[in-house]
Amino acid sequence: MDAKRVELTDLQELKRSGTPITMVTAYDCPSARLADRAGVDAVLVGDSLSNVVLGNRDTVPVTMDEMLHHTRAVSRGLRRALLVADMPFGSYQVSREEAVRNGVRFLKEAGAQAVKLEGAGPHAATVRALVDAGVPVVGHLGLTPQTAGMLGGYKLQGRTADAARRILDDALALEAAGAFLLVLELVPARLAALISRRLSIPTIGIGAGPGTDGQVLVFHDLLGFEPDFQPRFLKRYAELGREIERALGAYCAEVRGRQFPDVAHAFRMPDEEWAALEAALDPAEGAGPQGGR
């Protein structure tokens, strides 16, 4: 029997009980299945898909169609974890009507249980419109990668009293607009802890210290797919990039050395059937070597 699916209300209960929430990104079915089996509470199909998987320089180029495609794949791998999908750049900024239309698509077409969008200010009204339409929303403050260029790049946010107050006010505005969860990225630990105490909704940190209600990391980052990527906030729990490279190198060496495949990896044709084939062949054709027996 499948484990009970994590619902939005379960995350609220985890906050109330003081139990930290675990979230990771995933972009395909096998990764989602592994995260689900490991007991992760929530999986985010992040627009980091753009740079982590699709090879773009940042998150901006990823499209709605690409996000829907990968969210569908992730949804097939989940039995327990709550599924959140990022709304990509351009999918909610043009109008609230378009934002609602795109948010609904993530739920109807891709199996997401909620969507995430960045920023507050004018987007608080968009959050309200989505929630009123029945689309649960996760907010995202601090470093907002879709508009990182306007923030001076991928830098810590909220370092001054004024900047910190704006983030706190934005967090309260998103909660008032109906967001059920808030991601805080690259903000001082004390600020993230303060926001987490002030909000009744759970907070999820990335580069925001231990005082949030939960944590999120990118699947490929925590598993060490890119050994040279080592931001301060990241802890790697494996070095799979090096191990995968080693395994692929060993495969290439064995194929080139004719060590793989060997007899154990080949399929046998019954001798009588082989004899029948040989008998049916034109003598000029010949059956050739029998290494594939």
C-alpha atoms as a PDB file:
ATOM      1  CA  MET A   1       0.000   0.000   0.000  1.00  0.00           C
ATOM      2  CA  ASP A   2       1.311   3.466  -0.858  1.00  0.00           C
ATOM      3  CA  ALA A   3       2.367   5.730   1.991  1.00  0.00           C
ATOM      4  CA  LYS A   4       0.059   8.617   2.841  1.00  0.00           C
ATOM      5  CA  ARG A   5       0.623  11.563   0.523  1.00  0.00           C
ATOM      6  CA  VAL A   6       1.987  14.707   2.179  1.00  0.00           C
ATOM      7  CA  GLU A   7      -0.585  17.490   2.017  1.00  0.00           C
ATOM      8  CA  LEU A   8      -0.306  21.242   2.527  1.00  0.00           C
ATOM      9  CA  THR A   9      -1.768  20.937   6.010  1.00  0.00           C
ATOM     10  CA  ASP A  10       0.909  18.409   6.958  1.00  0.00           C
ATOM     11  CA  LEU A  11       3.632  21.029   6.444  1.00  0.00           C
ATOM     12  CA  GLN A  12       1.722  23.413   8.703  1.00  0.00           C
ATOM     13  CA  GLU A  13       1.569  20.713  11.359  1.00  0.00           C
ATOM     14  CA  LEU A  14       5.323  20.122  11.047  1.00  0.00           C
ATOM     15  CA  LYS A  15       5.891  23.816  11.776  1.00  0.00           C
ATOM     16  CA  ARG A  16       3.585  23.702  14.781  1.00  0.00           C
ATOM     17  CA  SER A  17       5.383  20.652  16.154  1.00  0.00           C
ATOM     18  CA  GLY A  18       8.836  22.091  15.530  1.00  0.00           C
ATOM     19  CA  THR A  19       9.759  19.283  13.136  1.00  0.00           C
ATOM     20  CA  PRO A  20      11.991  20.567  10.297  1.00  0.00           C
ATOM     21  CA  ILE A  21      10.603  20.169   6.775  1.00  0.00           C
ATOM     22  CA  THR A  22      12.789  18.531   4.113  1.00  0.00           C
ATOM     23  CA  MET A  23      12.620  19.615   0.479  1.00  0.00           C
ATOM     24  CA  VAL A  24      14.811  18.889  -2.538  1.00  0.00           C
ATOM     25  CA  THR A  25      14.543  19.705  -6.205  1.00  0.00           C
ATOM     26  CA  ALA A  26      13.998  17.006  -8.808  1.00  0.00           C
ATOM     27  CA  TYR A  27      13.663  17.248 -12.569  1.00  0.00           C
ATOM     28  CA  ASP A  28      12.902  13.695 -13.710  1.00  0.00           C
ATOM     29  CA  CYS A  29      11.118  10.543 -12.622  1.00  0.00           C
ATOM     30  CA  PRO A  30      14.135   8.525 -11.344  1.00  0.00           C
ATOM     31  CA  SER A  31      15.356  11.408  -9.173  1.00  0.00           C
ATOM     32  CA  ALA A  32      11.848  11.964  -7.823  1.00  0.00           C
ATOM     33  CA  ARG A  33      11.498   8.282  -7.006  1.00  0.00           C
ATOM     34  CA  LEU A  34      14.772   8.312  -5.048  1.00  0.00           C
ATOM     35  CA  ALA A  35      13.772  11.442  -3.113  1.00  0.00           C
ATOM     36  CA  ASP A  36      10.389   9.929  -2.344  1.00  0.00           C
ATOM     37  CA  ARG A  37      11.886   6.679  -1.076  1.00  0.00           C
ATOM     38  CA  ALA A  38      14.326   8.633   1.085  1.00  0.00           C
ATOM     39  CA  GLY A  39      11.405  10.246   2.900  1.00  0.00           C
ATOM     40  CA  VAL A  40      11.689  13.813   1.614  1.00  0.00           C
ATOM     41  CA  ASP A  41       8.591  15.818   2.583  1.00  0.00           C
ATOM     42  CA  ALA A  42       8.348  17.996  -0.540  1.00  0.00           C
ATOM     43  CA  VAL A  43       9.872  17.985  -4.004  1.00  0.00           C
ATOM     44  CA  LEU A  44      10.324  21.184  -5.987  1.00  0.00           C
ATOM     45  CA  VAL A  45      10.581  21.150  -9.760  1.00  0.00           C
ATOM     46  CA  GLY A  46      12.634  24.317  -9.740  1.00  0.00           C
ATOM     47  CA  ASP A  47      13.184  26.631 -12.654  1.00  0.00           C
ATOM     48  CA  SER A  48      16.809  25.790 -11.858  1.00  0.00           C
ATOM     49  CA  LEU A  49      15.952  23.104 -14.402  1.00  0.00           C
ATOM     50  CA  SER A  50      17.099  25.770 -16.866  1.00  0.00           C
ATOM     51  CA  ASN A  51      20.741  25.855 -15.808  1.00  0.00           C
ATOM     52  CA  VAL A  52      21.148  22.603 -13.839  1.00  0.00           C
ATOM     53  CA  VAL A  53      19.677  20.268 -16.476  1.00  0.00           C
ATOM     54  CA  LEU A  54      19.102  22.164 -19.725  1.00  0.00           C
ATOM     55  CA  GLY A  55      22.479  23.932 -19.784  1.00  0.00           C
ATOM     56  CA  ASN A  56      21.337  27.555 -19.854  1.00  0.00           C
ATOM     57  CA  ARG A  57      23.319  30.240 -18.042  1.00  0.00           C
ATOM     58  CA  ASP A  58      20.485  31.089 -15.625  1.00  0.00           C
ATOM     59  CA  THR A  59      16.832  30.373 -14.892  1.00  0.00           C
ATOM     60  CA  VAL A  60      15.304  32.936 -17.245  1.00  0.00           C
ATOM     61  CA  PRO A  61      15.177  30.962 -20.538  1.00  0.00           C
ATOM     62  CA  VAL A  62      13.187  27.959 -19.281  1.00  0.00           C
ATOM     63  CA  THR A  63       9.660  27.861 -20.734  1.00  0.00           C
ATOM     64  CA  MET A  64       6.236  26.843 -19.486  1.00  0.00           C
ATOM     65  CA  ASP A  65       6.242  23.837 -21.816  1.00  0.00           C
ATOM     66  CA  GLU A  66       9.605  22.685 -20.453  1.00  0.00           C
ATOM     67  CA  MET A  67       8.487  23.152 -16.854  1.00  0.00           C
ATOM     68  CA  LEU A  68       5.244  21.259 -17.484  1.00  0.00           C
ATOM     69  CA  HIS A  69       7.106  18.446 -19.237  1.00  0.00           C
ATOM     70  CA  HIS A  70       9.529  17.922 -16.343  1.00  0.00           C
ATOM     71  CA  THR A  71       6.860  18.366 -13.672  1.00  0.00           C
ATOM     72  CA  ARG A  72       4.829  15.584 -15.286  1.00  0.00           C
ATOM     73  CA  ALA A  73       7.900  13.337 -15.210  1.00  0.00           C
ATOM     74  CA  VAL A  74       8.554  14.091 -11.536  1.00  0.00           C
ATOM     75  CA  SER A  75       4.909  13.502 -10.622  1.00  0.00           C
ATOM     76  CA  ARG A  76       5.168   9.959 -11.981  1.00  0.00           C
ATOM     77  CA  GLY A  77       7.955   9.187  -9.527  1.00  0.00           C
ATOM     78  CA  LEU A  78       6.226  10.430  -6.385  1.00  0.00           C
ATOM     79  CA  ARG A  79       3.973   8.428  -4.105  1.00  0.00           C
ATOM     80  CA  ARG A  80       4.334  10.386  -0.870  1.00  0.00           C
ATOM     81  CA  ALA A  81       6.125  13.737  -1.199  1.00  0.00           C
ATOM     82  CA  LEU A  82       4.231  16.947  -1.899  1.00  0.00           C
ATOM     83  CA  LEU A  83       4.961  18.293  -5.394  1.00  0.00           C
ATOM     84  CA  VAL A  84       5.637  22.002  -5.991  1.00  0.00           C
ATOM     85  CA  ALA A  85       6.438  23.477  -9.418  1.00  0.00           C
ATOM     86  CA  ASP A  86       8.171  26.768 -10.158  1.00  0.00           C
ATOM     87  CA  MET A  87       6.343  29.203 -12.390  1.00  0.00           C
ATOM     88  CA  PRO A  88       9.012  30.278 -14.898  1.00  0.00           C
ATOM     89  CA  PHE A  89       9.915  33.839 -15.760  1.00  0.00           C
ATOM     90  CA  GLY A  90       7.216  35.405 -17.944  1.00  0.00           C
ATOM     91  CA  SER A  91       4.471  33.013 -16.849  1.00  0.00           C
ATOM     92  CA  TYR A  92       3.004  35.258 -14.138  1.00  0.00           C
ATOM     93  CA  GLN A  93       4.378  38.773 -14.709  1.00  0.00           C
ATOM     94  CA  VAL A  94       2.275  39.838 -17.701  1.00  0.00           C
ATOM     95  CA  SER A  95      -1.160  39.705 -16.050  1.00  0.00           C
ATOM     96  CA  ARG A  96      -2.964  38.060 -13.173  1.00  0.00           C
ATOM     97  CA  GLU A  97      -5.257  36.314 -15.647  1.00  0.00           C
ATOM     98  CA  GLU A  98      -2.312  34.710 -17.405  1.00  0.00           C
ATOM     99  CA  ALA A  99      -0.745  33.797 -14.078  1.00  0.00           C
ATOM    100  CA  VAL A 100      -3.922  31.997 -13.016  1.00  0.00           C
ATOM    101  CA  ARG A 101      -4.162  30.246 -16.382  1.00  0.00           C
ATOM    102  CA  ASN A 102      -0.581  28.998 -16.098  1.00  0.00           C
ATOM    103  CA  GLY A 103      -0.947  28.063 -12.445  1.00  0.00           C
ATOM    104  CA  VAL A 104      -3.995  25.971 -13.227  1.00  0.00           C
ATOM    105  CA  ARG A 105      -2.064  24.187 -15.971  1.00  0.00           C
ATOM    106  CA  PHE A 106       0.538  22.983 -13.468  1.00  0.00           C
ATOM    107  CA  LEU A 107      -2.187  21.357 -11.380  1.00  0.00           C
ATOM    108  CA  LYS A 108      -4.348  19.999 -14.208  1.00  0.00           C
ATOM    109  CA  GLU A 109      -1.718  18.962 -16.760  1.00  0.00           C
ATOM    110  CA  ALA A 110       1.363  18.176 -14.678  1.00  0.00           C
ATOM    111  CA  GLY A 111       0.125  16.846 -11.338  1.00  0.00           C
ATOM    112  CA  ALA A 112       1.624  19.575  -9.154  1.00  0.00           C
ATOM    113  CA  GLN A 113      -0.029  20.284  -5.798  1.00  0.00           C
ATOM    114  CA  ALA A 114       1.226  23.867  -5.643  1.00  0.00           C
ATOM    115  CA  VAL A 115       3.206  26.443  -7.605  1.00  0.00           C
ATOM    116  CA  LYS A 116       6.010  28.766  -6.531  1.00  0.00           C
ATOM    117  CA  LEU A 117       6.624  32.303  -7.705  1.00  0.00           C
ATOM    118  CA  GLU A 118       9.238  34.891  -6.815  1.00  0.00           C
ATOM    119  CA  GLY A 119       8.877  38.311  -5.190  1.00  0.00           C
ATOM    120  CA  ALA A 120       6.149  40.282  -3.488  1.00  0.00           C
ATOM    121  CA  GLY A 121       5.017  43.862  -4.103  1.00  0.00           C
ATOM    122  CA  PRO A 122       2.724  43.705  -7.152  1.00  0.00           C
ATOM    123  CA  HIS A 123       3.020  39.914  -7.125  1.00  0.00           C
ATOM    124  CA  ALA A 124       1.155  39.714  -3.816  1.00  0.00           C
ATOM    125  CA  ALA A 125      -2.042  40.433  -5.748  1.00  0.00           C
ATOM    126  CA  THR A 126      -1.077  37.649  -8.165  1.00  0.00           C
ATOM    127  CA  VAL A 127      -0.679  35.271  -5.244  1.00  0.00           C
ATOM    128  CA  ARG A 128      -4.151  36.207  -4.043  1.00  0.00           C
ATOM    129  CA  ALA A 129      -5.613  35.670  -7.514  1.00  0.00           C
ATOM    130  CA  LEU A 130      -4.028  32.218  -7.751  1.00  0.00           C
ATOM    131  CA  VAL A 131      -5.202  31.211  -4.284  1.00  0.00           C
ATOM    132  CA  ASP A 132      -8.717  32.479  -5.019  1.00  0.00           C
ATOM    133  CA  ALA A 133      -8.676  30.284  -8.128  1.00  0.00           C
ATOM    134  CA  GLY A 134      -7.764  27.249  -6.044  1.00  0.00           C
ATOM    135  CA  VAL A 135      -4.049  27.150  -6.844  1.00  0.00           C
ATOM    136  CA  PRO A 136      -1.901  26.822  -3.682  1.00  0.00           C
ATOM    137  CA  VAL A 137       1.125  29.141  -3.772  1.00  0.00           C
ATOM    138  CA  VAL A 138       4.637  29.068  -2.341  1.00  0.00           C
ATOM    139  CA  GLY A 139       6.330  32.464  -2.084  1.00  0.00           C
ATOM    140  CA  HIS A 140      10.040  33.139  -2.607  1.00  0.00           C
ATOM    141  CA  LEU A 141      11.968  36.083  -1.137  1.00  0.00           C
ATOM    142  CA  GLY A 142      15.567  37.168  -0.601  1.00  0.00           C
ATOM    143  CA  LEU A 143      17.632  36.282  -3.628  1.00  0.00           C
ATOM    144  CA  THR A 144      15.143  35.798  -6.466  1.00  0.00           C
ATOM    145  CA  PRO A 145      17.115  34.191  -9.308  1.00  0.00           C
ATOM    146  CA  GLN A 146      14.720  35.287 -12.070  1.00  0.00           C
ATOM    147  CA  THR A 147      15.561  38.923 -11.283  1.00  0.00           C
ATOM    148  CA  ALA A 148      19.067  38.455  -9.888  1.00  0.00           C
ATOM    149  CA  GLY A 149      20.426  41.041 -12.312  1.00  0.00           C
ATOM    150  CA  MET A 150      18.320  43.708 -10.625  1.00  0.00           C
ATOM    151  CA  LEU A 151      19.661  42.638  -7.228  1.00  0.00           C
ATOM    152  CA  GLY A 152      23.327  42.961  -8.147  1.00  0.00           C
ATOM    153  CA  GLY A 153      23.807  39.293  -8.962  1.00  0.00           C
ATOM    154  CA  TYR A 154      23.692  36.178  -6.821  1.00  0.00           C
ATOM    155  CA  LYS A 155      24.405  37.937  -3.535  1.00  0.00           C
ATOM    156  CA  LEU A 156      23.204  37.894   0.052  1.00  0.00           C
ATOM    157  CA  GLN A 157      20.039  39.972   0.459  1.00  0.00           C
ATOM    158  CA  GLY A 158      18.712  41.860   3.489  1.00  0.00           C
ATOM    159  CA  ARG A 159      22.062  42.842   4.994  1.00  0.00           C
ATOM    160  CA  THR A 160      20.958  46.348   6.031  1.00  0.00           C
ATOM    161  CA  ALA A 161      18.160  47.219   8.431  1.00  0.00           C
ATOM    162  CA  ASP A 162      16.091  48.807   5.650  1.00  0.00           C
ATOM    163  CA  ALA A 163      16.567  45.876   3.278  1.00  0.00           C
ATOM    164  CA  ALA A 164      15.783  43.385   6.020  1.00  0.00           C
ATOM    165  CA  ARG A 165      12.600  45.258   6.927  1.00  0.00           C
ATOM    166  CA  ARG A 166      11.465  45.179   3.285  1.00  0.00           C
ATOM    167  CA  ILE A 167      11.907  41.409   3.165  1.00  0.00           C
ATOM    168  CA  LEU A 168       9.997  41.012   6.444  1.00  0.00           C
ATOM    169  CA  ASP A 169       7.183  43.228   5.187  1.00  0.00           C
ATOM    170  CA  ASP A 170       7.082  41.307   1.905  1.00  0.00           C
ATOM    171  CA  ALA A 171       6.892  38.024   3.814  1.00  0.00           C
ATOM    172  CA  LEU A 172       3.945  39.276   5.833  1.00  0.00           C
ATOM    173  CA  ALA A 173       2.269  40.520   2.635  1.00  0.00           C
ATOM    174  CA  LEU A 174       2.648  37.125   0.961  1.00  0.00           C
ATOM    175  CA  GLU A 175       1.194  35.395   4.000  1.00  0.00           C
ATOM    176  CA  ALA A 176      -1.732  37.823   3.986  1.00  0.00           C
ATOM    177  CA  ALA A 177      -2.241  37.135   0.275  1.00  0.00           C
ATOM    178  CA  GLY A 178      -2.709  33.439   0.998  1.00  0.00           C
ATOM    179  CA  ALA A 179       0.684  31.824   0.379  1.00  0.00           C
ATOM    180  CA  PHE A 180       0.942  28.605   2.409  1.00  0.00           C
ATOM    181  CA  LEU A 181       4.748  28.327   2.357  1.00  0.00           C
ATOM    182  CA  LEU A 182       7.684  30.722   1.906  1.00  0.00           C
ATOM    183  CA  VAL A 183      11.180  30.056   0.547  1.00  0.00           C
ATOM    184  CA  LEU A 184      13.906  32.355   1.881  1.00  0.00           C
ATOM    185  CA  GLU A 185      17.076  32.327  -0.212  1.00  0.00           C
ATOM    186  CA  LEU A 186      20.414  33.886   0.700  1.00  0.00           C
ATOM    187  CA  VAL A 187      19.341  36.053   3.596  1.00  0.00           C
ATOM    188  CA  PRO A 188      21.115  36.482   6.971  1.00  0.00           C
ATOM    189  CA  ALA A 189      20.343  33.702   9.411  1.00  0.00           C
ATOM    190  CA  ARG A 190      18.991  36.072  12.069  1.00  0.00           C
ATOM    191  CA  LEU A 191      16.606  37.655   9.598  1.00  0.00           C
ATOM    192  CA  ALA A 192      15.358  34.270   8.373  1.00  0.00           C
ATOM    193  CA  ALA A 193      14.777  33.149  11.962  1.00  0.00           C
ATOM    194  CA  LEU A 194      12.894  36.368  12.747  1.00  0.00           C
ATOM    195  CA  ILE A 195      10.649  35.970   9.697  1.00  0.00           C
ATOM    196  CA  SER A 196      10.017  32.333  10.597  1.00  0.00           C
ATOM    197  CA  ARG A 197       8.901  33.352  14.085  1.00  0.00           C
ATOM    198  CA  ARG A 198       6.659  36.140  12.795  1.00  0.00           C
ATOM    199  CA  LEU A 199       4.867  34.037  10.189  1.00  0.00           C
ATOM    200  CA  SER A 200       2.249  31.416  10.873  1.00  0.00           C
ATOM    201  CA  ILE A 201       3.079  29.677   7.576  1.00  0.00           C
ATOM    202  CA  PRO A 202       6.208  27.485   7.293  1.00  0.00           C
ATOM    203  CA  THR A 203       9.464  28.840   5.875  1.00  0.00           C
ATOM    204  CA  ILE A 204      11.997  26.897   3.835  1.00  0.00           C
ATOM    205  CA  GLY A 205      15.566  28.138   3.733  1.00  0.00           C
ATOM    206  CA  ILE A 206      18.397  27.861   1.256  1.00  0.00           C
ATOM    207  CA  GLY A 207      21.426  29.773   2.407  1.00  0.00           C
ATOM    208  CA  ALA A 208      19.260  31.188   5.214  1.00  0.00           C
ATOM    209  CA  GLY A 209      20.669  29.433   8.259  1.00  0.00           C
ATOM    210  CA  PRO A 210      19.138  26.939  10.678  1.00  0.00           C
ATOM    211  CA  GLY A 211      16.291  29.076  11.992  1.00  0.00           C
ATOM    212  CA  THR A 212      13.794  28.398   9.205  1.00  0.00           C
ATOM    213  CA  ASP A 213      11.111  25.710   9.430  1.00  0.00           C
ATOM    214  CA  GLY A 214      12.794  23.585   6.790  1.00  0.00           C
ATOM    215  CA  GLN A 215      15.537  23.409   4.191  1.00  0.00           C
ATOM    216  CA  VAL A 216      15.783  22.925   0.424  1.00  0.00           C
ATOM    217  CA  LEU A 217      18.783  22.056  -1.723  1.00  0.00           C
ATOM    218  CA  VAL A 218      19.213  21.297  -5.401  1.00  0.00           C
ATOM    219  CA  PHE A 219      19.361  17.538  -6.037  1.00  0.00           C
ATOM    220  CA  HIS A 220      22.503  17.707  -8.181  1.00  0.00           C
ATOM    221  CA  ASP A 221      24.275  20.043  -5.769  1.00  0.00           C
ATOM    222  CA  LEU A 222      23.845  18.017  -2.591  1.00  0.00           C
ATOM    223  CA  LEU A 223      24.907  14.862  -4.458  1.00  0.00           C
ATOM    224  CA  GLY A 224      28.035  16.449  -5.909  1.00  0.00           C
ATOM    225  CA  PHE A 225      27.322  16.243  -9.631  1.00  0.00           C
ATOM    226  CA  GLU A 226      29.494  19.345 -10.191  1.00  0.00           C
ATOM    227  CA  PRO A 227      32.570  19.062  -7.934  1.00  0.00           C
ATOM    228  CA  ASP A 228      33.637  22.657  -8.583  1.00  0.00           C
ATOM    229  CA  PHE A 229      30.336  24.182  -7.456  1.00  0.00           C
ATOM    230  CA  GLN A 230      30.853  24.926  -3.760  1.00  0.00           C
ATOM    231  CA  PRO A 231      28.827  27.905  -2.489  1.00  0.00           C
ATOM    232  CA  ARG A 232      29.059  28.513   1.237  1.00  0.00           C
ATOM    233  CA  PHE A 233      25.474  27.442   1.930  1.00  0.00           C
ATOM    234  CA  LEU A 234      25.862  24.046   0.260  1.00  0.00           C
ATOM    235  CA  LYS A 235      26.708  20.820   2.045  1.00  0.00           C
ATOM    236  CA  ARG A 236      27.453  17.904  -0.245  1.00  0.00           C
ATOM    237  CA  TYR A 237      26.328  14.499   0.957  1.00  0.00           C
ATOM    238  CA  ALA A 238      27.978  12.504  -1.839  1.00  0.00           C
ATOM    239  CA  GLU A 239      30.451  12.938  -4.685  1.00  0.00           C
ATOM    240  CA  LEU A 240      28.424  11.301  -7.417  1.00  0.00           C
ATOM    241  CA  GLY A 241      29.924  13.432 -10.186  1.00  0.00           C
ATOM    242  CA  ARG A 242      33.353  11.891  -9.705  1.00  0.00           C
ATOM    243  CA  GLU A 243      31.909   8.412  -9.191  1.00  0.00           C
ATOM    244  CA  ILE A 244      29.750   8.625 -12.324  1.00  0.00           C
ATOM    245  CA  GLU A 245      32.728   9.844 -14.351  1.00  0.00           C
ATOM    246  CA  ARG A 246      34.838   6.965 -13.002  1.00  0.00           C
ATOM    247  CA  ALA A 247      32.128   4.415 -13.863  1.00  0.00           C
ATOM    248  CA  LEU A 248      31.677   5.765 -17.394  1.00  0.00           C
ATOM    249  CA  GLY A 249      35.437   5.723 -17.927  1.00  0.00           C
ATOM    250  CA  ALA A 250      35.583   2.091 -16.796  1.00  0.00           C
ATOM    251  CA  TYR A 251      32.761   1.224 -19.190  1.00  0.00           C
ATOM    252  CA  CYS A 252      34.550   2.847 -22.129  1.00  0.00           C
ATOM    253  CA  ALA A 253      37.799   1.039 -21.273  1.00  0.00           C
ATOM    254  CA  GLU A 254      36.092  -2.369 -21.077  1.00  0.00           C
ATOM    255  CA  VAL A 255      34.208  -1.911 -24.341  1.00  0.00           C
ATOM    256  CA  ARG A 256      37.354  -0.820 -26.156  1.00  0.00           C
ATOM    257  CA  GLY A 257      39.287  -3.705 -24.588  1.00  0.00           C
ATOM    258  CA  ARG A 258      36.530  -6.190 -25.541  1.00  0.00           C
ATOM    259  CA  GLN A 259      36.057  -7.082 -21.886  1.00  0.00           C
ATOM    260  CA  PHE A 260      32.387  -6.076 -22.024  1.00  0.00           C
ATOM    261  CA  PRO A 261      30.095  -7.687 -22.905  1.00  0.00           C
ATOM    262  CA  ASP A 262      31.328 -11.160 -22.018  1.00  0.00           C
ATOM    263  CA  VAL A 263      29.538 -14.513 -21.946  1.00  0.00           C
ATOM    264  CA  ALA A 264      27.639 -13.581 -18.803  1.00  0.00           C
ATOM    265  CA  HIS A 265      26.016 -10.630 -20.593  1.00  0.00           C
ATOM    266  CA  ALA A 266      25.141 -12.425 -23.864  1.00  0.00           C
ATOM    267  CA  PHE A 267      22.165 -14.564 -24.892  1.00  0.00           C
ATOM    268  CA  ARG A 268      22.483 -18.126 -26.179  1.00  0.00           C
ATOM    269  CA  MET A 269      20.841 -19.555 -29.285  1.00  0.00           C
ATOM    270  CA  PRO A 270      20.042 -23.285 -29.017  1.00  0.00           C
ATOM    271  CA  ASP A 271      22.588 -25.419 -30.904  1.00  0.00           C
ATOM    272  CA  GLU A 272      19.915 -27.136 -32.966  1.00  0.00           C
ATOM    273  CA  GLU A 273      18.505 -23.799 -34.107  1.00  0.00           C
ATOM    274  CA  TRP A 274      21.972 -22.578 -35.006  1.00  0.00           C
ATOM    275  CA  ALA A 275      22.546 -25.776 -36.982  1.00  0.00           C
ATOM    276  CA  ALA A 276      19.254 -25.251 -38.798  1.00  0.00           C
ATOM    277  CA  LEU A 277      20.271 -21.696 -39.679  1.00  0.00           C
ATOM    278  CA  GLU A 278      23.649 -22.882 -40.986  1.00  0.00           C
ATOM    279  CA  ALA A 279      21.966 -25.561 -43.079  1.00  0.00           C
ATOM    280  CA  ALA A 280      19.616 -23.017 -44.616  1.00  0.00           C
ATOM    281  CA  LEU A 281      22.336 -20.548 -45.558  1.00  0.00           C
ATOM    282  CA  ASP A 282      23.886 -20.416 -48.984  1.00  0.00           C
ATOM    283  CA  PRO A 283      27.354 -21.978 -48.615  1.00  0.00           C
ATOM    284  CA  ALA A 284      28.848 -18.788 -50.023  1.00  0.00           C
ATOM    285  CA  GLU A 285      27.336 -16.755 -47.172  1.00  0.00           C
ATOM    286  CA  GLY A 286      28.684 -18.825 -44.310  1.00  0.00           C
ATOM    287  CA  ALA A 287      27.515 -18.483 -40.737  1.00  0.00           C
ATOM    288  CA  GLY A 288      30.630 -16.647 -39.625  1.00  0.00           C
ATOM    289  CA  PRO A 289      32.118 -16.724 -36.117  1.00  0.00           C
ATOM    290  CA  GLN A 290      29.956 -18.204 -33.392  1.00  0.00           C
ATOM    291  CA  GLY A 291      31.007 -15.765 -30.646  1.00  0.00           C
ATOM    292  CA  GLY A 292      27.395 -14.760 -30.116  1.00  0.00           C
ATOM    293  CA  ARG A 293      26.217 -18.239 -29.178  1.00  0.00           C
END
